[in-house]
Amino acid sequence: MRRKIYKKGLWDILRSMIVPILFTLAVIGMIVYGLQQTDASSKTEAKRILEDSIRRAVVTCYAIEGRYPESLEYIRLNYNIHVDHSRFVVHYQVIASNIMPDIMVIEL
């Protein structure tokens, strides 16, 4: 019996490599997309947690002291709230000592 020797041409070699390369690129693309979505979700969650913790501290202050805190600094010192000023700006506007202050957290 004679065996046929088949020489692979350049196109045959490229064609056998295209599918694994495309699959690898697709997997890498999905990983990068997933990481971006996780990062965006993490930033949104950090903002929500900060705003909720400030509101809880304000309500706790009102329940204990009978008045709302006059500044964000007062909350930081007495109720142990930490704000990462490199990531967030906190708008805290007091209207009166017996009216809930306006609290807004803005991501930089």
Protein backbone atom coordinates (compact mmCIF):
# COMPACT_ATOMS: atom_id res chain seq x y z
CA MET A 1 0.00 0.00 0.00
CA ARG A 2 1.09 3.40 -0.82
CA ARG A 3 0.60 6.27 1.52
CA LYS A 4 -0.16 9.64 0.18
CA ILE A 5 1.93 12.31 1.70
CA TYR A 6 -0.13 15.39 2.13
CA LYS A 7 1.70 18.66 2.40
CA LYS A 8 -0.14 21.33 4.30
CA GLY A 9 -0.19 24.61 2.58
CA LEU A 10 -0.17 28.00 4.24
CA TRP A 11 -3.96 28.31 4.00
CA ASP A 12 -4.48 24.93 5.67
CA ILE A 13 -2.22 25.91 8.56
CA LEU A 14 -3.97 29.27 8.99
CA ARG A 15 -7.40 27.67 8.81
CA SER A 16 -6.52 25.19 11.56
CA MET A 17 -5.34 28.08 13.78
CA ILE A 18 -8.19 30.52 13.20
CA VAL A 19 -10.82 28.71 15.30
CA PRO A 20 -8.66 28.41 18.45
CA ILE A 21 -7.49 32.01 18.11
CA LEU A 22 -11.06 33.32 17.68
CA PHE A 23 -12.24 31.24 20.64
CA THR A 24 -9.41 32.57 22.82
CA LEU A 25 -10.17 36.17 21.81
CA ALA A 26 -13.87 35.65 22.57
CA VAL A 27 -13.08 34.27 26.03
CA ILE A 28 -10.70 37.17 26.77
CA GLY A 29 -13.35 39.63 25.58
CA MET A 30 -15.97 38.12 27.89
CA ILE A 31 -13.58 38.24 30.85
CA VAL A 32 -12.75 41.91 30.24
CA TYR A 33 -16.44 42.78 29.86
CA GLY A 34 -17.27 40.94 33.09
CA LEU A 35 -14.53 42.77 34.99
CA GLN A 36 -15.79 46.14 33.74
CA GLN A 37 -19.34 45.33 34.81
CA THR A 38 -18.14 44.19 38.23
CA ASP A 39 -16.15 47.40 38.70
CA ALA A 40 -19.12 49.59 37.76
CA SER A 41 -21.40 47.63 40.08
CA SER A 42 -18.87 47.93 42.91
CA LYS A 43 -18.67 51.72 42.53
CA THR A 44 -22.46 52.07 42.56
CA GLU A 45 -22.73 49.86 45.63
CA ALA A 46 -20.02 51.83 47.49
CA LYS A 47 -21.92 55.07 46.84
CA ARG A 48 -25.19 53.56 48.06
CA ILE A 49 -23.57 52.14 51.21
CA LEU A 50 -21.96 55.50 52.06
CA GLU A 51 -25.24 57.38 51.64
CA ASP A 52 -27.15 54.81 53.70
CA SER A 53 -24.58 54.88 56.51
CA ILE A 54 -24.70 58.70 56.67
CA ARG A 55 -28.51 58.60 56.82
CA ARG A 56 -28.45 55.97 59.58
CA ALA A 57 -25.97 58.05 61.57
CA VAL A 58 -28.15 61.17 61.16
CA VAL A 59 -31.27 59.33 62.31
CA THR A 60 -29.36 57.77 65.22
CA CYS A 61 -28.13 61.21 66.25
CA TYR A 62 -31.71 62.52 66.17
CA ALA A 63 -32.94 59.58 68.23
CA ILE A 64 -30.20 59.96 70.86
CA GLU A 65 -29.71 63.73 71.03
CA GLY A 66 -33.12 65.01 69.91
CA ARG A 67 -31.70 67.05 67.03
CA TYR A 68 -30.09 66.43 63.68
CA PRO A 69 -26.31 66.96 63.44
CA GLU A 70 -25.24 70.41 62.29
CA SER A 71 -22.41 69.21 60.02
CA LEU A 72 -20.89 66.21 58.35
CA GLU A 73 -17.81 66.71 60.51
CA TYR A 74 -19.94 66.18 63.63
CA ILE A 75 -21.15 62.87 62.19
CA ARG A 76 -17.60 61.86 61.32
CA LEU A 77 -16.29 62.59 64.81
CA ASN A 78 -19.18 61.25 66.90
CA TYR A 79 -20.67 58.47 64.77
CA ASN A 80 -17.55 57.07 63.14
CA ILE A 81 -18.49 57.70 59.49
CA HIS A 82 -15.56 57.74 57.07
CA VAL A 83 -15.85 59.38 53.65
CA ASP A 84 -13.27 58.72 50.94
CA HIS A 85 -12.96 62.28 49.64
CA SER A 86 -10.86 61.12 46.69
CA ARG A 87 -13.89 59.17 45.38
CA PHE A 88 -16.97 60.96 46.74
CA VAL A 89 -18.30 64.41 47.50
CA VAL A 90 -20.99 64.58 50.17
CA HIS A 91 -23.55 67.37 50.01
CA TYR A 92 -24.97 67.86 53.51
CA GLN A 93 -27.35 70.77 53.94
CA VAL A 94 -29.01 71.45 57.29
CA ILE A 95 -32.38 73.19 57.16
CA ALA A 96 -33.25 73.20 60.86
CA SER A 97 -32.35 71.14 63.91
CA ASN A 98 -35.67 69.30 63.79
CA ILE A 99 -35.90 68.72 60.00
CA MET A 100 -34.00 65.94 58.26
CA PRO A 101 -30.98 67.40 56.42
CA ASP A 102 -30.57 67.07 52.67
CA ILE A 103 -27.93 64.39 52.01
CA MET A 104 -26.50 63.65 48.57
CA VAL A 105 -23.42 61.61 47.70
CA ILE A 106 -21.77 62.36 44.36
CA GLU A 107 -19.13 60.11 42.82
CA LEU A 108 -16.09 61.86 41.39
